[in-house]
C-alpha atoms as a PDB file:
ATOM      1  CA  MET A   1     -11.631  -2.527  22.793  1.00  0.00           C
ATOM      2  CA  ARG A   2      -8.053  -3.609  22.193  1.00  0.00           C
ATOM      3  CA  GLY A   3      -5.734  -3.027  19.272  1.00  0.00           C
ATOM      4  CA  CYS A   4      -5.172   0.507  18.056  1.00  0.00           C
ATOM      5  CA  ARG A   5      -6.986   1.880  21.064  1.00  0.00           C
ATOM      6  CA  LEU A   6      -7.645   5.592  21.235  1.00  0.00           C
ATOM      7  CA  PRO A   7      -5.741   5.992  24.530  1.00  0.00           C
ATOM      8  CA  ALA A   8      -2.831   4.268  22.830  1.00  0.00           C
ATOM      9  CA  ILE A   9      -2.548   6.953  20.158  1.00  0.00           C
ATOM     10  CA  THR A  10       0.312   9.259  21.002  1.00  0.00           C
ATOM     11  CA  ALA A  11       1.954  12.119  19.184  1.00  0.00           C
ATOM     12  CA  ALA A  12       5.564  11.615  18.193  1.00  0.00           C
ATOM     13  CA  ALA A  13       6.921  15.109  17.639  1.00  0.00           C
ATOM     14  CA  ASP A  14       5.074  16.757  14.768  1.00  0.00           C
ATOM     15  CA  HIS A  15       5.627  14.161  12.064  1.00  0.00           C
ATOM     16  CA  CYS A  16       3.505  11.190  13.093  1.00  0.00           C
ATOM     17  CA  ALA A  17       0.931   9.787  15.492  1.00  0.00           C
ATOM     18  CA  LEU A  18       1.614   6.307  16.816  1.00  0.00           C
ATOM     19  CA  CYS A  19      -1.288   3.913  17.085  1.00  0.00           C
ATOM     20  CA  SER A  20       0.037   1.169  19.317  1.00  0.00           C
ATOM     21  CA  GLN A  21      -1.106  -2.247  20.489  1.00  0.00           C
ATOM     22  CA  VAL A  22      -2.320  -3.439  17.101  1.00  0.00           C
ATOM     23  CA  ASP A  23      -1.065  -6.928  17.990  1.00  0.00           C
ATOM     24  CA  ARG A  24      -3.752  -7.101  20.700  1.00  0.00           C
ATOM     25  CA  MET A  25      -6.558  -7.417  18.153  1.00  0.00           C
ATOM     26  CA  PHE A  26      -8.283 -10.788  18.266  1.00  0.00           C
ATOM     27  CA  ASP A  27      -6.500 -13.385  16.120  1.00  0.00           C
ATOM     28  CA  TRP A  28      -3.635 -11.051  15.112  1.00  0.00           C
ATOM     29  CA  ALA A  29      -0.925 -13.166  13.424  1.00  0.00           C
ATOM     30  CA  VAL A  30       2.464 -11.881  14.564  1.00  0.00           C
ATOM     31  CA  LEU A  31       5.218 -11.226  12.035  1.00  0.00           C
ATOM     32  CA  LYS A  32       8.029 -10.263  14.403  1.00  0.00           C
ATOM     33  CA  ASP A  33       9.676  -6.923  13.487  1.00  0.00           C
ATOM     34  CA  ALA A  34       7.874  -6.770  10.123  1.00  0.00           C
ATOM     35  CA  PRO A  35       6.786  -3.528   8.473  1.00  0.00           C
ATOM     36  CA  MET A  36       3.164  -2.931   9.427  1.00  0.00           C
ATOM     37  CA  GLN A  37       1.861  -2.906   5.856  1.00  0.00           C
ATOM     38  CA  GLU A  38       3.423  -6.327   5.252  1.00  0.00           C
ATOM     39  CA  SER A  39       2.097  -7.665   8.543  1.00  0.00           C
ATOM     40  CA  LEU A  40      -1.399  -6.349   7.825  1.00  0.00           C
ATOM     41  CA  ALA A  41      -1.400  -8.025   4.398  1.00  0.00           C
ATOM     42  CA  GLN A  42      -0.792 -11.397   6.092  1.00  0.00           C
ATOM     43  CA  GLN A  43      -3.801 -11.084   8.418  1.00  0.00           C
ATOM     44  CA  LYS A  44      -7.117 -12.849   7.923  1.00  0.00           C
ATOM     45  CA  ASP A  45      -9.869 -10.839   6.220  1.00  0.00           C
ATOM     46  CA  TYR A  46     -11.847 -10.236   9.414  1.00  0.00           C
ATOM     47  CA  VAL A  47      -8.710  -9.025  11.235  1.00  0.00           C
ATOM     48  CA  ARG A  48      -7.956  -6.554   8.424  1.00  0.00           C
ATOM     49  CA  ALA A  49     -11.596  -5.395   8.517  1.00  0.00           C
ATOM     50  CA  GLU A  50     -11.344  -4.834  12.279  1.00  0.00           C
ATOM     51  CA  PHE A  51      -8.065  -2.940  11.780  1.00  0.00           C
ATOM     52  CA  GLU A  52      -9.738  -0.674   9.207  1.00  0.00           C
ATOM     53  CA  ARG A  53     -12.720  -0.062  11.497  1.00  0.00           C
ATOM     54  CA  ARG A  54     -10.506   0.871  14.432  1.00  0.00           C
ATOM     55  CA  MET A  55      -8.281   3.009  12.237  1.00  0.00           C
ATOM     56  CA  GLN A  56     -11.342   4.943  11.038  1.00  0.00           C
ATOM     57  CA  GLN A  57     -12.286   5.548  14.678  1.00  0.00           C
ATOM     58  CA  ALA A  58      -8.759   6.776  15.435  1.00  0.00           C
ATOM     59  CA  VAL A  59      -8.770   9.096  12.405  1.00  0.00           C
ATOM     60  CA  LEU A  60     -12.131  10.525  13.451  1.00  0.00           C
ATOM     61  CA  ALA A  61     -10.947  11.078  17.034  1.00  0.00           C
ATOM     62  CA  LEU A  62      -7.830  12.900  15.811  1.00  0.00           C
ATOM     63  CA  ASN A  63      -9.856  14.929  13.287  1.00  0.00           C
ATOM     64  CA  GLU A  64     -12.150  16.027  16.110  1.00  0.00           C
ATOM     65  CA  GLN A  65      -9.036  17.384  17.843  1.00  0.00           C
ATOM     66  CA  GLY A  66      -8.255  19.439  14.726  1.00  0.00           C
ATOM     67  CA  LEU A  67      -5.523  17.182  13.367  1.00  0.00           C
ATOM     68  CA  ASN A  68      -5.543  16.044   9.731  1.00  0.00           C
ATOM     69  CA  VAL A  69      -4.156  12.494   9.641  1.00  0.00           C
ATOM     70  CA  ALA A  70      -3.678   9.598   7.244  1.00  0.00           C
ATOM     71  CA  LEU A  71      -2.069   6.175   7.373  1.00  0.00           C
ATOM     72  CA  TYR A  72       1.556   6.686   6.424  1.00  0.00           C
ATOM     73  CA  TRP A  73       1.368   4.415   3.376  1.00  0.00           C
ATOM     74  CA  SER A  74      -1.644   6.219   1.930  1.00  0.00           C
ATOM     75  CA  ASN A  75      -0.881   9.808   2.955  1.00  0.00           C
ATOM     76  CA  PRO A  76      -1.815  12.031  -0.019  1.00  0.00           C
ATOM     77  CA  ASP A  77       0.334  14.971   1.153  1.00  0.00           C
ATOM     78  CA  PRO A  78       2.731  14.673   4.125  1.00  0.00           C
ATOM     79  CA  ARG A  79       2.847  18.472   4.341  1.00  0.00           C
ATOM     80  CA  LYS A  80      -0.894  18.641   5.069  1.00  0.00           C
ATOM     81  CA  TYR A  81      -1.545  15.348   6.870  1.00  0.00           C
ATOM     82  CA  VAL A  82       0.219  13.868   9.878  1.00  0.00           C
ATOM     83  CA  ASN A  83       1.139  10.217   9.384  1.00  0.00           C
ATOM     84  CA  ILE A  84      -0.528   7.584  11.544  1.00  0.00           C
ATOM     85  CA  VAL A  85       1.916   4.753  12.158  1.00  0.00           C
ATOM     86  CA  PRO A  86       0.357   1.554  13.553  1.00  0.00           C
ATOM     87  CA  THR A  87       2.847  -0.213  15.838  1.00  0.00           C
ATOM     88  CA  SER A  88       3.371  -2.985  18.344  1.00  0.00           C
ATOM     89  CA  ALA A  89       6.008  -2.534  21.015  1.00  0.00           C
ATOM     90  CA  ILE A  90       5.721  -6.216  21.927  1.00  0.00           C
ATOM     91  CA  THR A  91       6.242  -7.708  18.446  1.00  0.00           C
ATOM     92  CA  GLY A  92       8.166  -4.847  16.843  1.00  0.00           C
ATOM     93  CA  GLU A  93       5.708  -4.581  13.963  1.00  0.00           C
ATOM     94  CA  GLY A  94       5.711  -1.021  12.643  1.00  0.00           C
ATOM     95  CA  ALA A  95       8.650   0.022  14.850  1.00  0.00           C
ATOM     96  CA  ARG A  96      10.964   0.906  11.962  1.00  0.00           C
ATOM     97  CA  GLU A  97       8.285   3.026  10.304  1.00  0.00           C
ATOM     98  CA  SER A  98       7.723   4.987  13.507  1.00  0.00           C
ATOM     99  CA  LEU A  99      11.426   5.807  13.649  1.00  0.00           C
ATOM    100  CA  LEU A 100      11.444   6.866   9.994  1.00  0.00           C
ATOM    101  CA  GLY A 101       8.438   9.165  10.356  1.00  0.00           C
ATOM    102  CA  PRO A 102      10.261  12.338   9.275  1.00  0.00           C
ATOM    103  CA  VAL A 103      11.425  10.745   6.017  1.00  0.00           C
ATOM    104  CA  GLU A 104       9.163  12.187   3.342  1.00  0.00           C
ATOM    105  CA  ASP A 105      10.728  10.580   0.280  1.00  0.00           C
ATOM    106  CA  ARG A 106       8.773   7.321  -0.007  1.00  0.00           C
ATOM    107  CA  THR A 107      11.402   5.749  -2.276  1.00  0.00           C
ATOM    108  CA  LEU A 108      14.084   6.388   0.317  1.00  0.00           C
ATOM    109  CA  HIS A 109      11.678   5.290   3.053  1.00  0.00           C
ATOM    110  CA  SER A 110      11.040   1.973   1.252  1.00  0.00           C
ATOM    111  CA  ALA A 111      14.750   1.462   0.603  1.00  0.00           C
ATOM    112  CA  VAL A 112      15.619   2.008   4.246  1.00  0.00           C
ATOM    113  CA  LEU A 113      12.899  -0.427   5.364  1.00  0.00           C
ATOM    114  CA  ALA A 114      14.116  -3.054   2.897  1.00  0.00           C
ATOM    115  CA  ALA A 115      17.711  -2.822   4.120  1.00  0.00           C
ATOM    116  CA  ASP A 116      18.180  -4.902   7.223  1.00  0.00           C
END
């Protein structure tokens, strides 16, 4: 299984878990250095479905380790859930979000991502 593999999930301090290698999923369309949410929106339906399936597996694996997690863009409470940040070191997708993990203000987070 490639793309958001369980061995590729690593803790980044105490503010996020990185789920790397998402670009290795079959038929992943690269948007170089794009925010992951934007890149995911541009994928074909079956690629997004595979991403969701693998993300559910990653969430379950982390829950089994006693860690409450959620995708960073749908985290209901950053004080209770650790953000999962999907990334690709090869294409740069999701890289900015992984660096901005500690930023809890989503408005500020969005503004920083929009500023290039």
